N, C-alpha and C. Protein backbone atom coordinates (compact mmCIF):
# COMPACT_ATOMS: atom_id res chain seq x y z
N UNK A 1 120.05 26.95 -11.05
CA UNK A 1 121.61 27.99 -12.09
C UNK A 1 122.54 27.20 -10.93
N UNK A 2 123.27 26.52 -11.16
CA UNK A 2 124.49 26.43 -10.65
C UNK A 2 125.20 27.29 -10.01
N UNK A 3 125.52 26.49 -8.56
CA UNK A 3 126.63 27.71 -7.45
C UNK A 3 127.98 27.47 -8.38
N UNK A 4 129.23 28.88 -8.26
CA UNK A 4 130.13 29.42 -8.48
C UNK A 4 131.43 27.50 -8.66
N UNK A 5 130.88 26.89 -7.50
CA UNK A 5 132.13 26.05 -7.10
C UNK A 5 133.50 26.61 -6.25
N UNK A 6 133.66 27.42 -6.61
CA UNK A 6 134.90 28.54 -6.09
C UNK A 6 134.69 28.61 -4.31
N UNK A 7 136.07 28.72 -3.96
CA UNK A 7 135.79 29.60 -1.99
C UNK A 7 137.11 29.90 -1.82
N UNK A 8 137.35 30.59 -2.97
CA UNK A 8 138.38 31.90 -2.56
C UNK A 8 138.80 33.01 -3.14
N UNK A 9 137.61 33.54 -2.68
CA UNK A 9 137.47 35.24 -2.76
C UNK A 9 138.10 35.54 -1.66
N UNK A 10 138.59 37.09 -1.98
CA UNK A 10 139.56 37.58 -1.15
C UNK A 10 139.77 38.49 -1.74
N UNK A 11 140.20 39.61 -0.62
CA UNK A 11 140.87 41.06 -1.17
C UNK A 11 142.43 41.58 -1.24
N UNK A 12 142.55 42.31 -1.89
CA UNK A 12 143.82 42.94 -1.59
C UNK A 12 143.73 44.42 -0.72
N UNK A 13 145.08 44.79 -0.66
CA UNK A 13 145.01 45.95 0.38
C UNK A 13 143.90 47.69 -0.63
N UNK A 14 143.83 47.87 -1.83
CA UNK A 14 142.96 48.74 -2.29
C UNK A 14 141.84 48.17 -2.33
N UNK A 15 141.42 47.27 -2.03
CA UNK A 15 139.86 46.64 -2.01
C UNK A 15 139.31 47.27 -1.34
N UNK A 16 139.95 46.67 0.52
CA UNK A 16 139.36 46.99 1.55
C UNK A 16 139.85 48.55 1.42
N UNK A 17 140.49 49.02 1.35
CA UNK A 17 140.64 50.64 1.07
C UNK A 17 139.60 51.30 0.67
N UNK A 18 138.95 50.66 -0.33
CA UNK A 18 137.41 51.79 -1.33
C UNK A 18 136.43 51.17 -0.48
N UNK A 19 136.43 49.87 0.18
CA UNK A 19 135.23 49.45 0.91
C UNK A 19 135.50 50.48 1.95
N UNK A 20 135.95 50.76 2.98
CA UNK A 20 136.36 51.21 4.31
C UNK A 20 135.84 53.29 3.07
N UNK A 21 136.72 53.27 2.36
CA UNK A 21 136.29 54.84 1.78
C UNK A 21 134.98 54.89 1.68
N UNK A 22 133.71 53.89 1.00
CA UNK A 22 132.82 53.69 0.78
C UNK A 22 132.01 54.11 2.41
N UNK A 23 132.32 53.34 3.08
CA UNK A 23 131.82 53.39 4.20
C UNK A 23 131.54 54.27 5.50
N UNK A 24 132.60 55.04 5.09
CA UNK A 24 132.45 56.50 5.57
C UNK A 24 131.87 57.35 4.62
N UNK A 25 131.43 57.07 3.37
CA UNK A 25 130.69 58.22 2.73
C UNK A 25 131.66 59.31 1.98
N UNK A 26 132.57 58.26 1.49
CA UNK A 26 134.16 59.17 1.16
C UNK A 26 133.64 57.87 -0.62
N UNK A 27 135.36 58.74 -1.05
CA UNK A 27 135.84 57.58 -2.35
C UNK A 27 137.34 57.46 -2.23
N UNK A 28 137.86 56.91 -2.55
CA UNK A 28 138.75 56.53 -3.21
C UNK A 28 139.38 57.95 -4.30
N UNK A 29 140.60 58.72 -4.33
CA UNK A 29 140.51 59.81 -4.94
C UNK A 29 142.32 59.81 -5.35
N UNK A 30 143.23 59.60 -4.61
CA UNK A 30 144.42 60.20 -4.77
C UNK A 30 145.39 59.00 -4.53
N UNK A 31 146.53 59.10 -4.56
CA UNK A 31 148.01 58.73 -4.15
C UNK A 31 147.89 58.75 -2.81
N UNK A 32 147.76 60.16 -1.66
CA UNK A 32 147.67 59.96 -0.26
C UNK A 32 146.52 59.27 0.35
N UNK A 33 144.95 59.40 -0.37
CA UNK A 33 144.14 58.88 0.53
C UNK A 33 144.55 57.17 0.40
N UNK A 34 145.02 56.39 -0.32
CA UNK A 34 145.36 55.25 -0.35
C UNK A 34 146.48 54.90 0.29
N UNK A 35 147.42 56.27 0.48
CA UNK A 35 149.07 56.06 1.55
C UNK A 35 148.67 55.87 2.81
N UNK A 36 147.48 56.79 2.77
CA UNK A 36 147.06 57.23 5.18
C UNK A 36 146.22 56.05 5.51
N UNK A 37 145.50 55.30 4.27
CA UNK A 37 144.15 54.40 4.52
C UNK A 37 145.26 52.73 4.80
N UNK A 38 146.44 52.50 4.18
CA UNK A 38 146.81 52.14 4.42
C UNK A 38 148.54 51.68 5.36
N UNK A 39 148.38 53.28 5.65
CA UNK A 39 148.69 53.04 7.68
C UNK A 39 147.71 52.71 8.30
N UNK A 40 146.82 53.32 8.79
CA UNK A 40 146.20 53.25 9.48
C UNK A 40 145.44 51.48 9.27
N UNK A 41 145.61 51.22 8.48
CA UNK A 41 145.42 49.47 8.00
C UNK A 41 146.72 49.00 8.92
N UNK A 42 147.85 49.01 8.71
CA UNK A 42 148.81 48.52 9.27
C UNK A 42 148.95 49.38 11.21
N UNK A 43 148.33 50.04 11.51
CA UNK A 43 147.94 49.89 12.85
C UNK A 43 147.27 49.79 13.45
N UNK A 44 146.03 49.38 12.79
CA UNK A 44 144.71 48.34 13.04
C UNK A 44 145.65 47.00 13.20
N UNK A 45 146.10 46.27 12.62
CA UNK A 45 146.58 44.95 12.58
C UNK A 45 147.42 44.37 14.24
N UNK A 46 148.11 46.06 14.67
CA UNK A 46 149.25 46.01 15.75
C UNK A 46 147.89 45.73 16.32
N UNK A 47 146.55 46.82 16.63
CA UNK A 47 146.10 46.94 17.59
C UNK A 47 145.52 45.06 17.74
N UNK A 48 145.29 44.49 16.44
CA UNK A 48 144.56 43.67 16.92
C UNK A 48 145.28 41.88 17.40
N UNK A 49 146.44 42.42 17.28
CA UNK A 49 148.02 41.79 18.06
C UNK A 49 147.95 42.26 20.12
N UNK A 50 147.00 43.26 19.98
CA UNK A 50 147.07 43.67 21.28
C UNK A 50 146.30 43.28 22.15
N UNK A 51 145.25 43.35 20.98
CA UNK A 51 143.72 42.27 21.72
C UNK A 51 143.96 40.96 22.02
N UNK A 52 144.72 40.71 21.87
CA UNK A 52 144.94 38.67 22.87
C UNK A 52 145.01 37.89 21.40
N UNK A 53 145.28 36.25 21.45
CA UNK A 53 145.39 36.06 21.35
C UNK A 53 144.65 35.30 19.29
N UNK A 54 145.51 35.65 18.45
CA UNK A 54 144.55 35.09 16.82
C UNK A 54 145.03 33.77 16.50
N UNK A 55 144.48 32.64 16.13
CA UNK A 55 144.83 31.49 16.25
C UNK A 55 145.39 31.24 15.19
N UNK A 56 145.03 32.34 13.79
CA UNK A 56 146.04 31.43 12.44
C UNK A 56 147.27 31.77 12.44
N UNK A 57 147.65 32.86 13.67
CA UNK A 57 148.99 33.20 13.41
C UNK A 57 149.92 32.57 14.86
N UNK A 58 149.63 32.08 14.88
CA UNK A 58 150.77 30.82 16.23
C UNK A 58 151.39 29.94 15.51
N UNK A 59 153.02 30.22 15.56
CA UNK A 59 153.56 29.21 14.88
C UNK A 59 154.45 28.50 15.49
N UNK A 60 154.57 27.23 14.82
CA UNK A 60 155.52 26.33 15.83
C UNK A 60 157.12 27.03 15.33
N UNK A 61 157.84 26.79 16.71
CA UNK A 61 159.54 26.96 16.35
C UNK A 61 160.21 26.20 16.98
N UNK A 62 161.09 25.73 16.30
CA UNK A 62 162.34 24.57 17.45
C UNK A 62 163.96 25.33 17.17
N UNK A 63 163.78 25.29 18.25
CA UNK A 63 165.39 26.00 19.09
C UNK A 63 166.69 24.70 19.44
N UNK A 64 167.69 24.61 18.52
CA UNK A 64 168.31 23.04 19.32
C UNK A 64 169.87 24.11 19.81
N UNK A 65 169.36 24.01 21.18
CA UNK A 65 170.33 23.96 22.62
C UNK A 65 171.57 23.62 22.09
N UNK A 66 172.18 24.65 22.48
CA UNK A 66 174.50 24.55 22.63
C UNK A 66 174.44 24.77 24.36
N UNK A 67 175.73 23.45 24.37
CA UNK A 67 176.16 23.23 25.62
C UNK A 67 176.21 24.85 26.36
N UNK A 68 175.99 24.90 27.57
CA UNK A 68 176.73 26.45 28.11
C UNK A 68 175.81 27.30 27.51
N UNK A 69 175.48 27.73 26.84
CA UNK A 69 174.53 28.79 26.46
C UNK A 69 173.03 28.84 26.21
N UNK A 70 172.58 30.24 26.93
CA UNK A 70 171.14 29.85 27.82
C UNK A 70 169.87 31.13 26.53
N UNK A 71 170.58 31.78 26.23
CA UNK A 71 169.65 32.44 25.25
C UNK A 71 169.52 32.37 24.05
N UNK A 72 168.98 32.61 23.33
CA UNK A 72 168.47 32.25 22.07
C UNK A 72 167.61 33.72 20.62
N UNK A 73 167.51 33.56 20.17
CA UNK A 73 166.57 34.61 19.36
C UNK A 73 165.68 33.50 19.43
N UNK A 74 164.54 34.14 19.28
CA UNK A 74 163.33 32.75 19.45
C UNK A 74 163.22 32.63 17.54
N UNK A 75 162.71 33.67 16.73
CA UNK A 75 162.73 33.36 15.32
C UNK A 75 164.08 34.12 14.72
N UNK A 76 165.33 33.50 14.09
CA UNK A 76 166.04 33.44 13.51
C UNK A 76 165.74 34.01 11.96
N UNK A 77 164.96 33.76 11.64
CA UNK A 77 164.48 33.83 9.91
C UNK A 77 163.68 35.75 10.18
N UNK A 78 162.82 36.13 10.92
CA UNK A 78 162.29 36.87 11.22
C UNK A 78 163.09 37.65 12.53
N UNK A 79 163.26 38.35 12.86
CA UNK A 79 163.93 38.08 14.39
C UNK A 79 162.99 38.88 15.34
N UNK A 80 161.68 40.11 14.79
CA UNK A 80 160.44 41.11 14.72
C UNK A 80 159.88 40.23 15.06
N UNK A 81 159.27 39.30 14.50
CA UNK A 81 158.18 38.94 14.23
C UNK A 81 157.45 38.20 15.19
N UNK A 82 158.32 38.05 16.31
CA UNK A 82 157.80 37.08 17.46
C UNK A 82 157.13 37.71 18.78
N UNK A 83 155.85 38.31 19.09
CA UNK A 83 154.62 38.46 20.14
C UNK A 83 155.19 38.05 21.34
N UNK A 84 155.39 36.78 20.95
CA UNK A 84 155.02 36.09 22.50
C UNK A 84 155.02 34.63 22.30
N UNK A 85 155.73 34.27 23.50
CA UNK A 85 155.31 32.38 23.14
C UNK A 85 154.52 32.17 24.19
N UNK A 86 153.35 31.37 23.64
CA UNK A 86 152.36 30.46 24.51
C UNK A 86 152.79 29.34 25.63
N UNK A 87 153.49 28.86 25.17
CA UNK A 87 153.87 27.30 25.37
C UNK A 87 155.71 27.06 25.03
N UNK A 88 155.81 26.23 25.69
CA UNK A 88 157.43 25.09 25.65
C UNK A 88 157.63 24.27 25.90
N UNK A 89 158.47 23.08 25.05
CA UNK A 89 158.52 22.26 26.06
C UNK A 89 160.00 21.95 25.24
N UNK A 90 160.91 21.26 25.85
CA UNK A 90 162.07 20.61 26.07
C UNK A 90 162.06 19.34 25.63
N UNK A 91 162.75 18.75 24.40
CA UNK A 91 163.01 17.35 23.52
C UNK A 91 164.45 16.95 23.58
N UNK A 92 163.95 15.63 23.76
CA UNK A 92 165.20 14.92 23.93
C UNK A 92 165.33 13.48 23.31
N UNK A 93 166.33 13.39 22.36
CA UNK A 93 165.95 11.89 21.70
C UNK A 93 166.77 11.32 22.53
N UNK A 94 165.99 10.10 22.13
CA UNK A 94 167.41 8.96 23.06
C UNK A 94 166.53 7.48 22.43
N UNK A 95 167.59 7.12 21.80
CA UNK A 95 167.86 5.70 21.22
C UNK A 95 166.30 5.70 20.27
N UNK A 96 166.47 6.90 19.56
CA UNK A 96 165.06 7.06 18.31
C UNK A 96 163.89 7.09 19.36
N UNK A 97 163.98 7.79 20.65
CA UNK A 97 162.80 7.78 20.68
C UNK A 97 162.51 9.23 21.50
N UNK A 98 161.69 10.28 21.04
CA UNK A 98 160.96 11.36 21.80
C UNK A 98 161.11 11.57 23.40
N UNK A 99 161.89 12.20 23.73
CA UNK A 99 160.83 12.23 26.19
C UNK A 99 160.84 13.65 25.85
N UNK A 100 160.03 14.19 25.85
CA UNK A 100 159.36 15.33 26.01
C UNK A 100 158.65 15.80 27.51
N UNK A 101 159.44 17.38 27.78
CA UNK A 101 159.48 17.68 29.28
C UNK A 101 159.07 19.20 29.20
N UNK A 102 157.34 19.27 29.26
CA UNK A 102 157.15 20.63 29.47
C UNK A 102 157.76 21.27 30.38
N UNK A 103 158.00 22.58 29.95
CA UNK A 103 158.36 23.88 30.43
C UNK A 103 157.81 24.94 31.13
N UNK A 104 158.34 25.59 31.89
CA UNK A 104 157.89 26.05 32.98
C UNK A 104 158.19 27.53 32.32
N UNK A 105 157.40 28.52 32.76
CA UNK A 105 157.49 29.96 32.68
C UNK A 105 157.60 30.74 33.44
N UNK A 106 159.22 31.56 33.68
CA UNK A 106 159.55 32.75 35.37
C UNK A 106 159.06 33.46 34.21
N UNK A 107 158.94 34.86 34.93
CA UNK A 107 158.66 36.16 34.96
C UNK A 107 160.00 36.17 34.96
N UNK A 108 160.16 37.52 34.89
CA UNK A 108 161.51 38.72 34.70
C UNK A 108 162.40 38.31 36.00
N UNK A 109 161.45 38.64 37.32
CA UNK A 109 161.66 39.07 38.13
C UNK A 109 162.11 37.68 39.11
N UNK A 110 161.38 36.56 38.49
CA UNK A 110 162.19 35.48 38.83
C UNK A 110 163.47 34.93 38.08
N UNK A 111 163.39 35.14 36.92
CA UNK A 111 164.64 34.55 36.55
C UNK A 111 165.46 35.67 36.89
N UNK A 112 165.72 37.13 37.36
CA UNK A 112 166.88 38.00 38.34
C UNK A 112 167.17 37.30 38.84
N UNK A 113 166.18 36.44 40.17
CA UNK A 113 166.08 36.64 40.89
C UNK A 113 166.93 34.60 41.75
N UNK A 114 167.26 34.19 40.23
CA UNK A 114 167.32 32.85 40.63
C UNK A 114 168.84 32.87 41.44
N UNK A 115 169.06 31.93 42.40
CA UNK A 115 170.96 32.18 42.66
C UNK A 115 171.98 31.50 42.08
N UNK A 116 170.84 30.86 41.51
CA UNK A 116 172.48 29.41 40.40
C UNK A 116 172.03 29.49 39.05
N UNK A 117 172.05 30.94 38.13
CA UNK A 117 171.80 31.00 37.35
C UNK A 117 173.07 29.98 36.73
N UNK A 118 173.82 29.65 36.81
CA UNK A 118 175.15 29.34 36.32
C UNK A 118 174.99 27.76 36.86
N UNK A 119 173.80 26.82 37.11
CA UNK A 119 173.55 25.52 37.33
C UNK A 119 173.08 24.98 35.95
N UNK A 120 173.51 23.60 35.63
CA UNK A 120 173.28 23.24 34.71
C UNK A 120 172.58 22.04 34.98
N UNK A 121 172.33 21.41 33.54
CA UNK A 121 171.34 20.32 33.41
C UNK A 121 170.40 20.09 32.84
N UNK A 122 168.78 19.63 32.26
CA UNK A 122 168.43 19.38 30.87
C UNK A 122 167.46 20.58 32.06
N UNK A 123 167.50 21.77 31.36
CA UNK A 123 166.33 22.76 31.32
C UNK A 123 164.72 22.62 31.19
N UNK A 124 164.19 23.35 32.25
CA UNK A 124 163.33 22.76 32.83
C UNK A 124 162.37 24.30 32.57
N UNK A 125 163.02 25.68 32.74
CA UNK A 125 162.20 26.70 32.88
C UNK A 125 162.71 27.93 31.83
N UNK A 126 162.07 28.69 31.64
CA UNK A 126 162.24 29.42 30.49
C UNK A 126 161.78 31.03 30.80
N UNK A 127 162.23 32.03 30.49
CA UNK A 127 162.08 33.56 30.60
C UNK A 127 162.03 34.18 28.95
N UNK A 128 161.16 34.83 28.73
CA UNK A 128 160.52 35.58 28.09
C UNK A 128 161.84 36.31 27.96
N UNK A 129 162.49 37.10 27.13
CA UNK A 129 162.77 38.76 27.10
C UNK A 129 161.56 39.31 25.97
N UNK A 130 160.97 40.66 26.08
CA UNK A 130 159.97 40.72 25.17
C UNK A 130 160.50 41.94 24.20
N UNK A 131 161.59 41.62 23.71
CA UNK A 131 162.50 43.06 23.39
C UNK A 131 162.00 43.76 21.96
N UNK A 132 162.53 44.35 21.43
CA UNK A 132 161.74 44.45 19.61
C UNK A 132 162.09 42.95 18.73
N UNK A 133 163.42 42.67 19.69
CA UNK A 133 163.70 40.98 18.91
C UNK A 133 163.80 40.01 19.92
N UNK A 134 162.16 39.41 20.17
CA UNK A 134 162.62 38.42 21.50
C UNK A 134 162.97 37.66 21.35
N UNK A 135 163.78 37.54 23.08
CA UNK A 135 164.53 36.07 22.65
C UNK A 135 164.37 34.96 24.06
N UNK A 136 164.70 34.17 24.01
CA UNK A 136 164.33 32.92 25.39
C UNK A 136 165.62 32.47 25.72
N UNK A 137 165.80 32.29 27.39
CA UNK A 137 166.44 32.06 28.08
C UNK A 137 166.18 31.19 28.85
N UNK A 138 167.01 29.97 28.80
CA UNK A 138 166.49 28.24 29.30
C UNK A 138 167.35 28.48 30.43
N UNK A 139 166.56 27.50 31.67
CA UNK A 139 167.41 27.39 33.01
C UNK A 139 167.22 25.85 33.23
N UNK A 140 167.60 25.38 34.01
CA UNK A 140 169.31 25.58 33.67
C UNK A 140 169.74 25.35 32.29
N UNK A 141 171.27 26.35 32.46
CA UNK A 141 172.08 26.14 31.56
C UNK A 141 172.37 23.98 30.68
N UNK A 142 172.39 24.73 29.22
CA UNK A 142 171.80 22.79 28.96
C UNK A 142 173.50 22.24 29.80
N UNK A 143 173.67 20.81 29.94
CA UNK A 143 174.69 20.11 29.96
C UNK A 143 175.27 19.60 29.44
N UNK A 144 174.82 19.56 27.84
CA UNK A 144 175.14 18.33 26.93
C UNK A 144 174.12 18.86 25.09
N UNK A 145 174.90 18.37 24.87
CA UNK A 145 173.84 18.34 23.83
C UNK A 145 173.22 17.43 23.20
N UNK A 146 171.85 17.82 22.46
CA UNK A 146 170.95 17.00 22.22
C UNK A 146 169.55 17.25 22.40
N UNK A 147 169.50 18.65 23.40
CA UNK A 147 168.81 18.87 23.81
C UNK A 147 167.44 20.16 22.63
N UNK A 148 166.55 20.18 22.07
CA UNK A 148 165.90 20.80 21.80
C UNK A 148 163.98 21.60 22.21
N UNK A 149 163.76 22.62 22.38
CA UNK A 149 163.32 23.17 22.44
C UNK A 149 161.87 24.37 21.86
N UNK A 150 161.28 23.32 21.35
CA UNK A 150 159.92 23.57 21.10
C UNK A 150 159.34 24.27 21.42
N UNK A 151 158.69 25.46 20.63
CA UNK A 151 157.76 26.73 20.80
C UNK A 151 156.77 26.42 19.76
N UNK A 152 155.44 27.12 20.90
CA UNK A 152 154.35 27.32 20.41
C UNK A 152 154.52 29.29 20.42
N UNK A 153 155.03 29.91 19.53
CA UNK A 153 155.11 31.28 19.06
C UNK A 153 153.50 32.00 18.55
N UNK A 154 153.25 33.03 19.17
CA UNK A 154 152.38 33.95 18.70
C UNK A 154 152.76 35.11 17.79
N UNK A 155 152.88 35.23 16.40
CA UNK A 155 153.57 36.35 15.45
C UNK A 155 152.99 37.35 14.83
N UNK A 156 153.47 38.14 14.74
CA UNK A 156 153.18 39.06 13.62
C UNK A 156 152.30 38.93 12.41
N UNK A 157 151.46 39.63 12.43
CA UNK A 157 150.76 39.61 10.34
C UNK A 157 151.81 40.08 9.75
N UNK A 158 151.82 39.65 8.64
CA UNK A 158 152.28 40.69 7.49
C UNK A 158 152.30 41.62 7.33
N UNK A 159 152.45 42.60 7.19
CA UNK A 159 152.30 43.88 7.06
C UNK A 159 151.51 43.98 5.23
N UNK A 160 150.96 44.89 5.81
CA UNK A 160 150.21 45.81 4.21
C UNK A 160 151.57 47.16 3.67
N UNK A 161 152.24 45.94 2.40
CA UNK A 161 152.74 46.98 1.63
C UNK A 161 152.59 47.81 0.20
N UNK A 162 151.49 47.18 -0.18
CA UNK A 162 151.68 47.58 -1.07
C UNK A 162 150.12 47.22 -1.83
N UNK A 163 149.09 48.15 -2.66
CA UNK A 163 148.04 48.04 -2.97
C UNK A 163 147.14 47.21 -3.36
N UNK A 164 148.41 46.13 -3.94
CA UNK A 164 148.18 44.98 -4.38
C UNK A 164 148.05 42.97 -3.21
N UNK A 165 148.59 43.81 -2.21
CA UNK A 165 149.44 42.92 -1.23
C UNK A 165 147.45 42.19 -1.04
N UNK A 166 147.73 41.07 -0.09
CA UNK A 166 146.43 40.23 -0.15
C UNK A 166 146.46 40.55 1.94
N UNK A 167 146.01 40.24 2.58
CA UNK A 167 146.29 40.12 3.77
C UNK A 167 146.37 39.24 4.78
N UNK A 168 147.30 38.76 5.43
CA UNK A 168 147.86 38.06 5.96
C UNK A 168 146.39 37.42 7.56
N UNK A 169 145.16 36.98 6.36
CA UNK A 169 143.63 36.77 8.13
C UNK A 169 143.28 35.75 7.24
N UNK A 170 142.28 34.66 7.73
CA UNK A 170 141.41 33.94 7.20
C UNK A 170 139.86 34.82 7.17
N UNK A 171 139.17 34.30 6.03
CA UNK A 171 138.64 34.92 5.62
C UNK A 171 137.29 35.11 6.20
N UNK A 172 137.28 34.43 7.84
CA UNK A 172 136.04 34.91 8.46
C UNK A 172 136.57 36.04 9.14
N UNK A 173 137.98 37.20 8.79
CA UNK A 173 137.90 38.10 9.23
C UNK A 173 138.35 39.45 7.89
N UNK A 174 137.44 38.87 7.37
CA UNK A 174 137.48 40.24 6.28
C UNK A 174 136.19 40.55 6.93
N UNK A 175 135.52 40.24 7.16
CA UNK A 175 134.27 42.25 7.27
C UNK A 175 135.25 42.32 8.90
N UNK A 176 135.45 42.35 9.94
CA UNK A 176 136.46 42.76 10.90
C UNK A 176 137.42 43.17 10.31
N UNK A 177 138.09 43.28 9.58
CA UNK A 177 138.95 44.20 8.28
C UNK A 177 138.18 45.72 8.31
N UNK A 178 137.23 45.03 6.80
CA UNK A 178 136.81 46.22 6.73
C UNK A 178 136.20 47.29 7.87
N UNK A 179 135.61 46.20 8.65
CA UNK A 179 134.41 47.63 9.52
C UNK A 179 135.88 48.69 10.35
N UNK A 180 136.95 47.81 10.91
CA UNK A 180 137.94 48.25 11.73
C UNK A 180 138.38 49.23 10.65
N UNK A 181 139.06 49.22 9.44
CA UNK A 181 139.31 50.21 8.37
C UNK A 181 138.61 51.43 8.61
N UNK A 182 137.20 51.61 8.41
CA UNK A 182 136.24 51.91 8.21
C UNK A 182 136.26 52.89 9.32
N UNK A 183 136.31 52.24 10.88
CA UNK A 183 136.13 53.04 11.77
C UNK A 183 137.28 53.93 11.95
N UNK A 184 138.93 53.20 11.58
CA UNK A 184 139.63 54.33 11.44
C UNK A 184 140.09 55.60 10.41
N UNK A 185 139.67 54.98 9.28
CA UNK A 185 139.58 56.35 8.58
C UNK A 185 138.44 57.37 8.82
N UNK A 186 137.33 57.29 9.86
CA UNK A 186 136.15 57.70 10.32
C UNK A 186 136.97 58.63 11.39
N UNK A 187 137.75 58.37 11.84
CA UNK A 187 138.17 59.40 13.07
C UNK A 187 139.64 60.69 12.19
N UNK A 188 139.51 60.12 11.12
CA UNK A 188 140.08 61.32 10.14
C UNK A 188 139.67 61.78 9.50
N UNK A 189 138.60 60.84 9.07
CA UNK A 189 137.58 62.16 7.29
C UNK A 189 136.16 62.04 8.25
N UNK A 190 135.60 61.94 8.78
CA UNK A 190 134.17 61.64 9.43
C UNK A 190 133.96 61.17 10.83
N UNK A 191 134.76 61.93 11.74
CA UNK A 191 134.42 62.21 13.20
C UNK A 191 133.22 62.00 13.19
N UNK A 192 131.91 62.29 12.49
CA UNK A 192 130.46 62.27 13.26
C UNK A 192 129.82 60.82 13.08
N UNK A 193 130.38 59.79 12.08
CA UNK A 193 130.54 58.69 11.82
C UNK A 193 131.19 57.85 12.41
N UNK A 194 132.01 57.72 13.92
CA UNK A 194 132.63 57.16 13.80
C UNK A 194 131.52 56.32 15.80
N UNK A 195 130.62 56.97 16.05
CA UNK A 195 130.04 56.02 17.25
C UNK A 195 128.76 55.02 15.98
N UNK A 196 128.93 54.61 14.84
CA UNK A 196 128.09 53.71 14.46
C UNK A 196 128.79 52.80 14.20
N UNK A 197 130.27 53.48 13.21
CA UNK A 197 131.29 52.30 12.67
C UNK A 197 131.41 51.70 14.10
N UNK A 198 132.46 52.50 15.12
CA UNK A 198 132.88 51.63 16.61
C UNK A 198 132.11 50.21 16.94
N UNK A 199 130.90 50.70 16.56
CA UNK A 199 129.31 49.78 17.56
C UNK A 199 130.06 48.60 16.38
N UNK A 200 129.71 48.55 14.85
CA UNK A 200 129.68 47.47 13.50
C UNK A 200 130.96 46.87 14.31
N UNK A 201 132.28 48.19 14.23
CA UNK A 201 133.58 47.19 14.34
C UNK A 201 134.07 46.24 15.47
N UNK A 202 133.34 46.21 16.73
CA UNK A 202 133.24 45.92 17.73
C UNK A 202 132.37 44.67 17.88
N UNK A 203 131.19 44.90 16.92
CA UNK A 203 130.43 43.63 16.74
C UNK A 203 131.20 42.46 15.99
N UNK A 204 131.94 43.40 14.89
CA UNK A 204 132.32 42.51 13.84
C UNK A 204 133.83 41.61 14.45
N UNK A 205 134.41 42.41 15.47
CA UNK A 205 135.33 41.62 15.45
C UNK A 205 135.45 40.86 16.75
N UNK A 206 134.30 41.02 17.45
CA UNK A 206 133.26 40.20 18.76
C UNK A 206 133.61 38.97 17.92
N UNK A 207 132.24 38.73 16.71
CA UNK A 207 131.88 37.75 16.36
C UNK A 207 133.33 36.49 15.61
N UNK A 208 134.13 37.23 15.23
CA UNK A 208 135.29 36.65 14.93
C UNK A 208 135.95 35.89 15.60
N UNK A 209 136.02 36.44 16.58
CA UNK A 209 137.16 36.29 17.61
C UNK A 209 136.12 35.15 18.18
N UNK A 210 135.35 35.04 18.59
CA UNK A 210 134.10 33.85 19.03
C UNK A 210 134.60 32.62 18.18
N UNK A 211 134.86 32.82 16.94
CA UNK A 211 134.56 31.46 15.99
C UNK A 211 136.36 31.35 16.07
N UNK A 212 137.27 31.62 16.49
CA UNK A 212 138.47 31.91 16.46
C UNK A 212 138.80 31.50 17.48
N UNK A 213 138.30 30.80 18.57
CA UNK A 213 139.20 30.50 19.88
C UNK A 213 138.64 28.85 19.47
N UNK A 214 140.06 28.55 19.95
CA UNK A 214 139.85 26.90 20.68
C UNK A 214 139.38 26.07 20.72
N UNK A 215 138.82 25.35 20.30
CA UNK A 215 137.13 24.14 20.55
C UNK A 215 138.22 23.23 21.45
N UNK A 216 137.99 22.87 22.63
CA UNK A 216 137.93 21.91 23.73
C UNK A 216 136.98 20.91 23.67
N UNK A 217 137.16 19.71 24.33
CA UNK A 217 136.35 18.75 25.30
C UNK A 217 135.88 19.71 26.37
N UNK A 218 134.79 19.35 26.92
CA UNK A 218 134.47 19.87 28.07
C UNK A 218 134.05 18.86 28.85
N UNK A 219 134.38 18.25 30.31
CA UNK A 219 134.15 17.47 31.27
C UNK A 219 133.17 17.29 31.98
N UNK A 220 132.53 16.79 32.68
CA UNK A 220 131.95 17.33 33.91
C UNK A 220 131.70 15.76 34.91
N UNK A 221 132.46 16.01 35.95
CA UNK A 221 132.46 15.24 36.59
C UNK A 221 131.15 14.98 38.03
N UNK A 222 131.04 14.04 37.95
CA UNK A 222 129.75 13.89 39.09
C UNK A 222 130.44 13.48 40.59
N UNK A 223 130.09 14.53 41.55
CA UNK A 223 130.48 14.73 42.80
C UNK A 223 129.65 14.18 43.02
N UNK A 224 130.24 13.75 44.58
CA UNK A 224 129.03 13.05 46.24
C UNK A 224 128.63 14.15 47.08
N UNK A 225 127.41 13.71 47.56
CA UNK A 225 127.26 14.84 48.50
C UNK A 225 126.27 14.18 49.57
N UNK A 226 126.97 14.67 50.82
CA UNK A 226 126.49 14.16 52.07
C UNK A 226 125.54 15.10 52.63
N UNK A 227 124.58 14.65 53.47
CA UNK A 227 123.92 15.81 54.42
C UNK A 227 123.93 15.56 55.28
N UNK A 228 124.73 14.24 55.53
CA UNK A 228 124.87 13.70 57.30
C UNK A 228 125.88 14.65 57.96
N UNK A 229 125.76 15.17 59.27
CA UNK A 229 126.72 15.95 59.96
C UNK A 229 127.97 14.93 60.31
């Protein structure tokens, strides 16, 4: 027999909720069941953001700097979408050649203690103010036009608003999401099942995160050793 040839299996919110209820030993029966489960689902997605870096939520943002302006909203389209900034560089194009300068991050205290906040020049450092709508503050203050800050930012996943919505996650996290939602529902409906569902959730999350980590080359440099006194 031939295989399907398809690789587009995807669940919507209603599918995940139904699966989670079944794992808890219950059935999805009422509109309130769907409402309370969807609320738990959105809370769980917020928990995922707190667990650390999710590679698929990394977005690239570019901010054009203006002379004398030091603070900028990181995401002008969705101001509350940014969770954090991972890294940044300042690009200046001279004679059609891009010149990139890696920027270093300052803490709130380091920025507050700068004695020369009004200094001008090519921005080399930045501070992230993690408000509800996060902003980035650069230093020194841009002394001319033509600078653009390029950011890798960790962004929020899209909300689960309707039963027909699909989720903003890669397929390798499908089992983890179903297991996690079942655990969250067990807190409300079947506390006796919480231990086993928590164990399954943690195992599924760890497997998914292991696959989501960035792969980089690892180099070993031989050293020298001498036992001569």
